[in-house]
Amino acid sequence: TYGTDGYIHQDSKFEEDMTLIIYLNQSWNPNWGGETVLFHDNEIFKAVLPKFKRLFLFPAAMDHAARGVSRWCPQVRQVLVFKATKQ
């Protein structure tokens, strides 16, 4: 919801681990924000907007953040996250 901002973090310290995000909102306006952003060398190099049923897979050791939503957003940004590790 508006006012809940994400912070840059990693889901794992192991290079082989992966994070999978599934976006659950059935409709999303790009003006609402809420992107998942990936960082490399302290620069954003990929931004993914929430889109219903979109799957986003990336290395869990990569710096990333969920950007906050706009105050105009009437929804809660909903995602399902899976974190996988090689055994």
PDB file of N, CA and C in Angstrom:
ATOM      1  N   THR A   1       0.835  -1.185   0.000  1.00  0.00           N
ATOM      2  CA  THR A   1       0.000   0.000   0.000  1.00  0.00           C
ATOM      3  C   THR A   1       0.875   1.241   0.000  1.00  0.00           C
ATOM      4  N   TYR A   2       0.268   2.383  -0.307  1.00  0.00           N
ATOM      5  CA  TYR A   2       1.007   3.635  -0.314  1.00  0.00           C
ATOM      6  C   TYR A   2       1.671   3.856   1.041  1.00  0.00           C
ATOM      7  N   GLY A   3       2.923   4.314   1.009  1.00  0.00           N
ATOM      8  CA  GLY A   3       3.668   4.579   2.235  1.00  0.00           C
ATOM      9  C   GLY A   3       4.510   3.410   2.706  1.00  0.00           C
ATOM     10  N   THR A   4       4.346   2.259   2.059  1.00  0.00           N
ATOM     11  CA  THR A   4       5.155   1.092   2.399  1.00  0.00           C
ATOM     12  C   THR A   4       6.215   0.925   1.317  1.00  0.00           C
ATOM     13  N   ASP A   5       7.401   1.406   1.578  1.00  0.00           N
ATOM     14  CA  ASP A   5       8.463   1.363   0.587  1.00  0.00           C
ATOM     15  C   ASP A   5       9.393   0.187   0.841  1.00  0.00           C
ATOM     16  N   GLY A   6       9.833  -0.429  -0.261  1.00  0.00           N
ATOM     17  CA  GLY A   6      10.803  -1.519  -0.153  1.00  0.00           C
ATOM     18  C   GLY A   6      12.203  -0.958   0.014  1.00  0.00           C
ATOM     19  N   TYR A   7      13.129  -1.815   0.316  1.00  0.00           N
ATOM     20  CA  TYR A   7      14.521  -1.413   0.478  1.00  0.00           C
ATOM     21  C   TYR A   7      15.385  -2.387  -0.312  1.00  0.00           C
ATOM     22  N   ILE A   8      16.566  -1.967  -0.677  1.00  0.00           N
ATOM     23  CA  ILE A   8      17.476  -2.817  -1.444  1.00  0.00           C
ATOM     24  C   ILE A   8      17.965  -3.942  -0.544  1.00  0.00           C
ATOM     25  N   HIS A   9      17.839  -5.171  -1.052  1.00  0.00           N
ATOM     26  CA  HIS A   9      18.263  -6.332  -0.272  1.00  0.00           C
ATOM     27  C   HIS A   9      18.567  -7.504  -1.203  1.00  0.00           C
ATOM     28  N   GLN A  10      19.081  -8.568  -0.613  1.00  0.00           N
ATOM     29  CA  GLN A  10      19.295  -9.844  -1.293  1.00  0.00           C
ATOM     30  C   GLN A  10      18.494 -10.894  -0.551  1.00  0.00           C
ATOM     31  N   ASP A  11      17.994 -11.893  -1.270  1.00  0.00           N
ATOM     32  CA  ASP A  11      17.262 -12.976  -0.619  1.00  0.00           C
ATOM     33  C   ASP A  11      18.186 -14.100  -0.174  1.00  0.00           C
ATOM     34  N   SER A  12      19.422 -14.114  -0.670  1.00  0.00           N
ATOM     35  CA  SER A  12      20.379 -15.156  -0.327  1.00  0.00           C
ATOM     36  C   SER A  12      21.787 -14.644  -0.583  1.00  0.00           C
ATOM     37  N   LYS A  13      22.752 -15.251   0.064  1.00  0.00           N
ATOM     38  CA  LYS A  13      24.150 -14.917  -0.213  1.00  0.00           C
ATOM     39  C   LYS A  13      24.785 -15.921  -1.178  1.00  0.00           C
ATOM     40  N   PHE A  14      24.023 -16.937  -1.570  1.00  0.00           N
ATOM     41  CA  PHE A  14      24.546 -17.987  -2.442  1.00  0.00           C
ATOM     42  C   PHE A  14      24.165 -17.734  -3.897  1.00  0.00           C
ATOM     43  N   GLU A  15      25.164 -17.692  -4.780  1.00  0.00           N
ATOM     44  CA  GLU A  15      24.957 -17.348  -6.190  1.00  0.00           C
ATOM     45  C   GLU A  15      24.003 -18.291  -6.912  1.00  0.00           C
ATOM     46  N   GLU A  16      23.916 -19.539  -6.507  1.00  0.00           N
ATOM     47  CA  GLU A  16      23.067 -20.504  -7.212  1.00  0.00           C
ATOM     48  C   GLU A  16      21.591 -20.442  -6.789  1.00  0.00           C
ATOM     49  N   ASP A  17      21.278 -19.738  -5.719  1.00  0.00           N
ATOM     50  CA  ASP A  17      19.891 -19.627  -5.265  1.00  0.00           C
ATOM     51  C   ASP A  17      19.098 -18.698  -6.189  1.00  0.00           C
ATOM     52  N   MET A  18      17.798 -18.954  -6.280  1.00  0.00           N
ATOM     53  CA  MET A  18      16.934 -18.185  -7.178  1.00  0.00           C
ATOM     54  C   MET A  18      15.702 -17.677  -6.431  1.00  0.00           C
ATOM     55  N   THR A  19      15.163 -16.567  -6.899  1.00  0.00           N
ATOM     56  CA  THR A  19      13.903 -16.021  -6.402  1.00  0.00           C
ATOM     57  C   THR A  19      12.927 -15.960  -7.571  1.00  0.00           C
ATOM     58  N   LEU A  20      11.689 -16.396  -7.328  1.00  0.00           N
ATOM     59  CA  LEU A  20      10.632 -16.335  -8.332  1.00  0.00           C
ATOM     60  C   LEU A  20       9.488 -15.512  -7.749  1.00  0.00           C
ATOM     61  N   ILE A  21       9.088 -14.479  -8.466  1.00  0.00           N
ATOM     62  CA  ILE A  21       7.954 -13.647  -8.057  1.00  0.00           C
ATOM     63  C   ILE A  21       6.816 -13.876  -9.050  1.00  0.00           C
ATOM     64  N   ILE A  22       5.617 -14.086  -8.514  1.00  0.00           N
ATOM     65  CA  ILE A  22       4.408 -14.168  -9.328  1.00  0.00           C
ATOM     66  C   ILE A  22       3.532 -12.986  -8.921  1.00  0.00           C
ATOM     67  N   TYR A  23       3.161 -12.172  -9.900  1.00  0.00           N
ATOM     68  CA  TYR A  23       2.333 -10.995  -9.632  1.00  0.00           C
ATOM     69  C   TYR A  23       0.860 -11.390  -9.692  1.00  0.00           C
ATOM     70  N   LEU A  24       0.080 -10.996  -8.692  1.00  0.00           N
ATOM     71  CA  LEU A  24      -1.277 -11.497  -8.505  1.00  0.00           C
ATOM     72  C   LEU A  24      -2.395 -10.488  -8.773  1.00  0.00           C
ATOM     73  N   ASN A  25      -2.075  -9.205  -8.878  1.00  0.00           N
ATOM     74  CA  ASN A  25      -3.139  -8.222  -9.127  1.00  0.00           C
ATOM     75  C   ASN A  25      -3.688  -8.406 -10.543  1.00  0.00           C
ATOM     76  N   GLN A  26      -5.010  -8.529 -10.656  1.00  0.00           N
ATOM     77  CA  GLN A  26      -5.606  -8.782 -11.965  1.00  0.00           C
ATOM     78  C   GLN A  26      -5.524  -7.582 -12.899  1.00  0.00           C
ATOM     79  N   SER A  27      -5.424  -6.405 -12.355  1.00  0.00           N
ATOM     80  CA  SER A  27      -5.205  -5.220 -13.186  1.00  0.00           C
ATOM     81  C   SER A  27      -4.210  -4.319 -12.469  1.00  0.00           C
ATOM     82  N   TRP A  28      -3.386  -3.643 -13.251  1.00  0.00           N
ATOM     83  CA  TRP A  28      -2.389  -2.750 -12.673  1.00  0.00           C
ATOM     84  C   TRP A  28      -2.103  -1.625 -13.652  1.00  0.00           C
ATOM     85  N   ASN A  29      -2.142  -0.404 -13.155  1.00  0.00           N
ATOM     86  CA  ASN A  29      -1.853   0.762 -13.962  1.00  0.00           C
ATOM     87  C   ASN A  29      -0.388   1.139 -13.745  1.00  0.00           C
ATOM     88  N   PRO A  30       0.401   1.291 -14.801  1.00  0.00           N
ATOM     89  CA  PRO A  30       1.816   1.654 -14.629  1.00  0.00           C
ATOM     90  C   PRO A  30       2.027   2.940 -13.836  1.00  0.00           C
ATOM     91  N   ASN A  31       1.041   3.828 -13.810  1.00  0.00           N
ATOM     92  CA  ASN A  31       1.160   5.055 -13.027  1.00  0.00           C
ATOM     93  C   ASN A  31       1.162   4.788 -11.522  1.00  0.00           C
ATOM     94  N   TRP A  32       0.786   3.592 -11.132  1.00  0.00           N
ATOM     95  CA  TRP A  32       0.746   3.245  -9.711  1.00  0.00           C
ATOM     96  C   TRP A  32       2.119   2.856  -9.154  1.00  0.00           C
ATOM     97  N   GLY A  33       3.121   2.664 -10.006  1.00  0.00           N
ATOM     98  CA  GLY A  33       4.454   2.253  -9.536  1.00  0.00           C
ATOM     99  C   GLY A  33       4.469   0.791  -9.143  1.00  0.00           C
ATOM    100  N   GLY A  34       5.158   0.481  -8.035  1.00  0.00           N
ATOM    101  CA  GLY A  34       5.192  -0.887  -7.526  1.00  0.00           C
ATOM    102  C   GLY A  34       6.136  -1.818  -8.256  1.00  0.00           C
ATOM    103  N   GLU A  35       7.051  -1.272  -9.037  1.00  0.00           N
ATOM    104  CA  GLU A  35       7.980  -2.113  -9.788  1.00  0.00           C
ATOM    105  C   GLU A  35       8.907  -2.910  -8.871  1.00  0.00           C
ATOM    106  N   THR A  36       9.332  -4.036  -9.358  1.00  0.00           N
ATOM    107  CA  THR A  36      10.454  -4.756  -8.761  1.00  0.00           C
ATOM    108  C   THR A  36      11.672  -4.316  -9.558  1.00  0.00           C
ATOM    109  N   VAL A  37      12.694  -3.825  -8.873  1.00  0.00           N
ATOM    110  CA  VAL A  37      13.883  -3.342  -9.571  1.00  0.00           C
ATOM    111  C   VAL A  37      15.100  -4.155  -9.163  1.00  0.00           C
ATOM    112  N   LEU A  38      15.953  -4.429 -10.149  1.00  0.00           N
ATOM    113  CA  LEU A  38      17.221  -5.123  -9.925  1.00  0.00           C
ATOM    114  C   LEU A  38      18.355  -4.121 -10.083  1.00  0.00           C
ATOM    115  N   PHE A  39      19.384  -4.277  -9.264  1.00  0.00           N
ATOM    116  CA  PHE A  39      20.521  -3.371  -9.265  1.00  0.00           C
ATOM    117  C   PHE A  39      21.805  -4.108  -9.633  1.00  0.00           C
ATOM    118  N   HIS A  40      22.678  -3.394 -10.317  1.00  0.00           N
ATOM    119  CA  HIS A  40      24.035  -3.876 -10.591  1.00  0.00           C
ATOM    120  C   HIS A  40      24.953  -2.664 -10.480  1.00  0.00           C
ATOM    121  N   ASP A  41      25.980  -2.759  -9.674  1.00  0.00           N
ATOM    122  CA  ASP A  41      26.908  -1.642  -9.434  1.00  0.00           C
ATOM    123  C   ASP A  41      26.164  -0.373  -9.014  1.00  0.00           C
ATOM    124  N   ASN A  42      25.199  -0.531  -8.107  1.00  0.00           N
ATOM    125  CA  ASN A  42      24.411   0.583  -7.568  1.00  0.00           C
ATOM    126  C   ASN A  42      23.617   1.352  -8.621  1.00  0.00           C
ATOM    127  N   GLU A  43      23.278   0.684  -9.712  1.00  0.00           N
ATOM    128  CA  GLU A  43      22.438   1.274 -10.756  1.00  0.00           C
ATOM    129  C   GLU A  43      21.282   0.328 -11.041  1.00  0.00           C
ATOM    130  N   ILE A  44      20.105   0.874 -11.276  1.00  0.00           N
ATOM    131  CA  ILE A  44      18.979   0.042 -11.693  1.00  0.00           C
ATOM    132  C   ILE A  44      19.244  -0.407 -13.122  1.00  0.00           C
ATOM    133  N   PHE A  45      19.210  -1.713 -13.360  1.00  0.00           N
ATOM    134  CA  PHE A  45      19.393  -2.184 -14.721  1.00  0.00           C
ATOM    135  C   PHE A  45      18.176  -2.928 -15.249  1.00  0.00           C
ATOM    136  N   LYS A  46      17.198  -3.225 -14.384  1.00  0.00           N
ATOM    137  CA  LYS A  46      15.958  -3.856 -14.837  1.00  0.00           C
ATOM    138  C   LYS A  46      14.855  -3.464 -13.878  1.00  0.00           C
ATOM    139  N   ALA A  47      13.699  -3.116 -14.447  1.00  0.00           N
ATOM    140  CA  ALA A  47      12.510  -2.813 -13.662  1.00  0.00           C
ATOM    141  C   ALA A  47      11.359  -3.613 -14.248  1.00  0.00           C
ATOM    142  N   VAL A  48      10.594  -4.287 -13.379  1.00  0.00           N
ATOM    143  CA  VAL A  48       9.487  -5.131 -13.818  1.00  0.00           C
ATOM    144  C   VAL A  48       8.208  -4.645 -13.154  1.00  0.00           C
ATOM    145  N   LEU A  49       7.238  -4.258 -13.983  1.00  0.00           N
ATOM    146  CA  LEU A  49       5.946  -3.822 -13.468  1.00  0.00           C
ATOM    147  C   LEU A  49       5.081  -5.017 -13.095  1.00  0.00           C
ATOM    148  N   PRO A  50       4.270  -4.873 -12.061  1.00  0.00           N
ATOM    149  CA  PRO A  50       3.309  -5.935 -11.751  1.00  0.00           C
ATOM    150  C   PRO A  50       2.341  -6.125 -12.923  1.00  0.00           C
ATOM    151  N   LYS A  51       2.189  -7.352 -13.356  1.00  0.00           N
ATOM    152  CA  LYS A  51       1.221  -7.700 -14.394  1.00  0.00           C
ATOM    153  C   LYS A  51       0.668  -9.069 -14.042  1.00  0.00           C
ATOM    154  N   PHE A  52      -0.638  -9.210 -14.086  1.00  0.00           N
ATOM    155  CA  PHE A  52      -1.301 -10.437 -13.644  1.00  0.00           C
ATOM    156  C   PHE A  52      -0.673 -11.679 -14.277  1.00  0.00           C
ATOM    157  N   LYS A  53      -0.317 -12.621 -13.426  1.00  0.00           N
ATOM    158  CA  LYS A  53       0.286 -13.917 -13.785  1.00  0.00           C
ATOM    159  C   LYS A  53       1.708 -13.808 -14.331  1.00  0.00           C
ATOM    160  N   ARG A  54       2.307 -12.639 -14.290  1.00  0.00           N
ATOM    161  CA  ARG A  54       3.697 -12.508 -14.736  1.00  0.00           C
ATOM    162  C   ARG A  54       4.605 -13.234 -13.757  1.00  0.00           C
ATOM    163  N   LEU A  55       5.559 -13.986 -14.299  1.00  0.00           N
ATOM    164  CA  LEU A  55       6.578 -14.656 -13.509  1.00  0.00           C
ATOM    165  C   LEU A  55       7.900 -13.923 -13.719  1.00  0.00           C
ATOM    166  N   PHE A  56       8.606 -13.681 -12.632  1.00  0.00           N
ATOM    167  CA  PHE A  56       9.898 -13.001 -12.716  1.00  0.00           C
ATOM    168  C   PHE A  56      10.900 -13.811 -11.905  1.00  0.00           C
ATOM    169  N   LEU A  57      11.864 -14.408 -12.593  1.00  0.00           N
ATOM    170  CA  LEU A  57      12.875 -15.260 -11.978  1.00  0.00           C
ATOM    171  C   LEU A  57      14.223 -14.551 -12.058  1.00  0.00           C
ATOM    172  N   PHE A  58      14.939 -14.494 -10.931  1.00  0.00           N
ATOM    173  CA  PHE A  58      16.247 -13.847 -10.922  1.00  0.00           C
ATOM    174  C   PHE A  58      17.108 -14.453  -9.809  1.00  0.00           C
ATOM    175  N   PRO A  59      18.426 -14.285  -9.894  1.00  0.00           N
ATOM    176  CA  PRO A  59      19.319 -14.800  -8.852  1.00  0.00           C
ATOM    177  C   PRO A  59      19.026 -14.144  -7.500  1.00  0.00           C
ATOM    178  N   ALA A  60      18.846 -14.957  -6.490  1.00  0.00           N
ATOM    179  CA  ALA A  60      18.478 -14.468  -5.162  1.00  0.00           C
ATOM    180  C   ALA A  60      19.579 -13.624  -4.511  1.00  0.00           C
ATOM    181  N   ALA A  61      20.816 -13.775  -4.976  1.00  0.00           N
ATOM    182  CA  ALA A  61      21.927 -13.004  -4.418  1.00  0.00           C
ATOM    183  C   ALA A  61      22.030 -11.610  -5.040  1.00  0.00           C
ATOM    184  N   MET A  62      21.165 -11.307  -5.999  1.00  0.00           N
ATOM    185  CA  MET A  62      21.188 -10.011  -6.667  1.00  0.00           C
ATOM    186  C   MET A  62      20.468  -8.962  -5.810  1.00  0.00           C
ATOM    187  N   ASP A  63      21.047  -7.770  -5.764  1.00  0.00           N
ATOM    188  CA  ASP A  63      20.387  -6.668  -5.062  1.00  0.00           C
ATOM    189  C   ASP A  63      19.085  -6.322  -5.787  1.00  0.00           C
ATOM    190  N   HIS A  64      18.005  -6.188  -5.014  1.00  0.00           N
ATOM    191  CA  HIS A  64      16.706  -5.848  -5.593  1.00  0.00           C
ATOM    192  C   HIS A  64      15.840  -5.160  -4.555  1.00  0.00           C
ATOM    193  N   ALA A  65      14.746  -4.569  -5.037  1.00  0.00           N
ATOM    194  CA  ALA A  65      13.801  -3.885  -4.143  1.00  0.00           C
ATOM    195  C   ALA A  65      12.437  -3.823  -4.811  1.00  0.00           C
ATOM    196  N   ALA A  66      11.412  -3.790  -3.982  1.00  0.00           N
ATOM    197  CA  ALA A  66      10.055  -3.523  -4.455  1.00  0.00           C
ATOM    198  C   ALA A  66       9.798  -2.043  -4.238  1.00  0.00           C
ATOM    199  N   ARG A  67       9.553  -1.324  -5.294  1.00  0.00           N
ATOM    200  CA  ARG A  67       9.290   0.105  -5.177  1.00  0.00           C
ATOM    201  C   ARG A  67       7.889   0.334  -4.628  1.00  0.00           C
ATOM    202  N   GLY A  68       7.742   1.399  -3.881  1.00  0.00           N
ATOM    203  CA  GLY A  68       6.451   1.739  -3.302  1.00  0.00           C
ATOM    204  C   GLY A  68       5.426   2.097  -4.373  1.00  0.00           C
ATOM    205  N   VAL A  69       4.180   2.004  -4.002  1.00  0.00           N
ATOM    206  CA  VAL A  69       3.108   2.364  -4.934  1.00  0.00           C
ATOM    207  C   VAL A  69       2.701   3.817  -4.733  1.00  0.00           C
ATOM    208  N   SER A  70       2.116   4.380  -5.765  1.00  0.00           N
ATOM    209  CA  SER A  70       1.648   5.762  -5.747  1.00  0.00           C
ATOM    210  C   SER A  70       0.496   5.935  -4.756  1.00  0.00           C
ATOM    211  N   ARG A  71       0.323   7.138  -4.282  1.00  0.00           N
ATOM    212  CA  ARG A  71      -0.808   7.408  -3.387  1.00  0.00           C
ATOM    213  C   ARG A  71      -2.127   7.298  -4.135  1.00  0.00           C
ATOM    214  N   TRP A  72      -2.087   7.266  -5.466  1.00  0.00           N
ATOM    215  CA  TRP A  72      -3.296   7.133  -6.292  1.00  0.00           C
ATOM    216  C   TRP A  72      -3.680   5.679  -6.493  1.00  0.00           C
ATOM    217  N   CYS A  73      -2.859   4.765  -6.039  1.00  0.00           N
ATOM    218  CA  CYS A  73      -3.126   3.334  -6.241  1.00  0.00           C
ATOM    219  C   CYS A  73      -4.225   2.870  -5.281  1.00  0.00           C
ATOM    220  N   PRO A  74      -5.335   2.332  -5.809  1.00  0.00           N
ATOM    221  CA  PRO A  74      -6.440   1.908  -4.949  1.00  0.00           C
ATOM    222  C   PRO A  74      -6.329   0.452  -4.491  1.00  0.00           C
ATOM    223  N   GLN A  75      -5.206  -0.207  -4.804  1.00  0.00           N
ATOM    224  CA  GLN A  75      -5.057  -1.630  -4.508  1.00  0.00           C
ATOM    225  C   GLN A  75      -3.845  -1.885  -3.622  1.00  0.00           C
ATOM    226  N   VAL A  76      -3.797  -3.076  -3.087  1.00  0.00           N
ATOM    227  CA  VAL A  76      -2.603  -3.583  -2.417  1.00  0.00           C
ATOM    228  C   VAL A  76      -1.817  -4.356  -3.462  1.00  0.00           C
ATOM    229  N   ARG A  77      -0.536  -4.079  -3.591  1.00  0.00           N
ATOM    230  CA  ARG A  77       0.316  -4.832  -4.521  1.00  0.00           C
ATOM    231  C   ARG A  77       0.483  -6.232  -3.947  1.00  0.00           C
ATOM    232  N   GLN A  78       0.061  -7.236  -4.720  1.00  0.00           N
ATOM    233  CA  GLN A  78       0.081  -8.618  -4.231  1.00  0.00           C
ATOM    234  C   GLN A  78       1.028  -9.457  -5.079  1.00  0.00           C
ATOM    235  N   VAL A  79       1.916 -10.162  -4.380  1.00  0.00           N
ATOM    236  CA  VAL A  79       2.849 -11.058  -5.057  1.00  0.00           C
ATOM    237  C   VAL A  79       2.961 -12.350  -4.251  1.00  0.00           C
ATOM    238  N   LEU A  80       3.358 -13.390  -4.950  1.00  0.00           N
ATOM    239  CA  LEU A  80       3.691 -14.662  -4.317  1.00  0.00           C
ATOM    240  C   LEU A  80       5.159 -14.892  -4.640  1.00  0.00           C
ATOM    241  N   VAL A  81       5.977 -15.128  -3.622  1.00  0.00           N
ATOM    242  CA  VAL A  81       7.412 -15.257  -3.803  1.00  0.00           C
ATOM    243  C   VAL A  81       7.869 -16.651  -3.388  1.00  0.00           C
ATOM    244  N   PHE A  82       8.648 -17.270  -4.276  1.00  0.00           N
ATOM    245  CA  PHE A  82       9.278 -18.553  -3.984  1.00  0.00           C
ATOM    246  C   PHE A  82      10.780 -18.326  -3.976  1.00  0.00           C
ATOM    247  N   LYS A  83      11.428 -18.888  -2.978  1.00  0.00           N
ATOM    248  CA  LYS A  83      12.881 -18.799  -2.882  1.00  0.00           C
ATOM    249  C   LYS A  83      13.425 -20.225  -2.915  1.00  0.00           C
ATOM    250  N   ALA A  84      14.287 -20.489  -3.905  1.00  0.00           N
ATOM    251  CA  ALA A  84      14.775 -21.849  -4.146  1.00  0.00           C
ATOM    252  C   ALA A  84      16.286 -21.898  -3.958  1.00  0.00           C
ATOM    253  N   THR A  85      16.723 -23.003  -3.400  1.00  0.00           N
ATOM    254  CA  THR A  85      18.140 -23.234  -3.217  1.00  0.00           C
ATOM    255  C   THR A  85      18.524 -24.589  -3.780  1.00  0.00           C
ATOM    256  N   LYS A  86      19.722 -24.685  -4.291  1.00  0.00           N
ATOM    257  CA  LYS A  86      20.226 -25.954  -4.836  1.00  0.00           C
ATOM    258  C   LYS A  86      20.651 -26.847  -3.674  1.00  0.00           C
ATOM    259  N   GLN A  87      20.205 -28.065  -3.695  1.00  0.00           N
ATOM    260  CA  GLN A  87      20.555 -29.006  -2.618  1.00  0.00           C
ATOM    261  C   GLN A  87      21.545 -30.038  -3.095  1.00  0.00           C
TER     262      GLN A  87
END
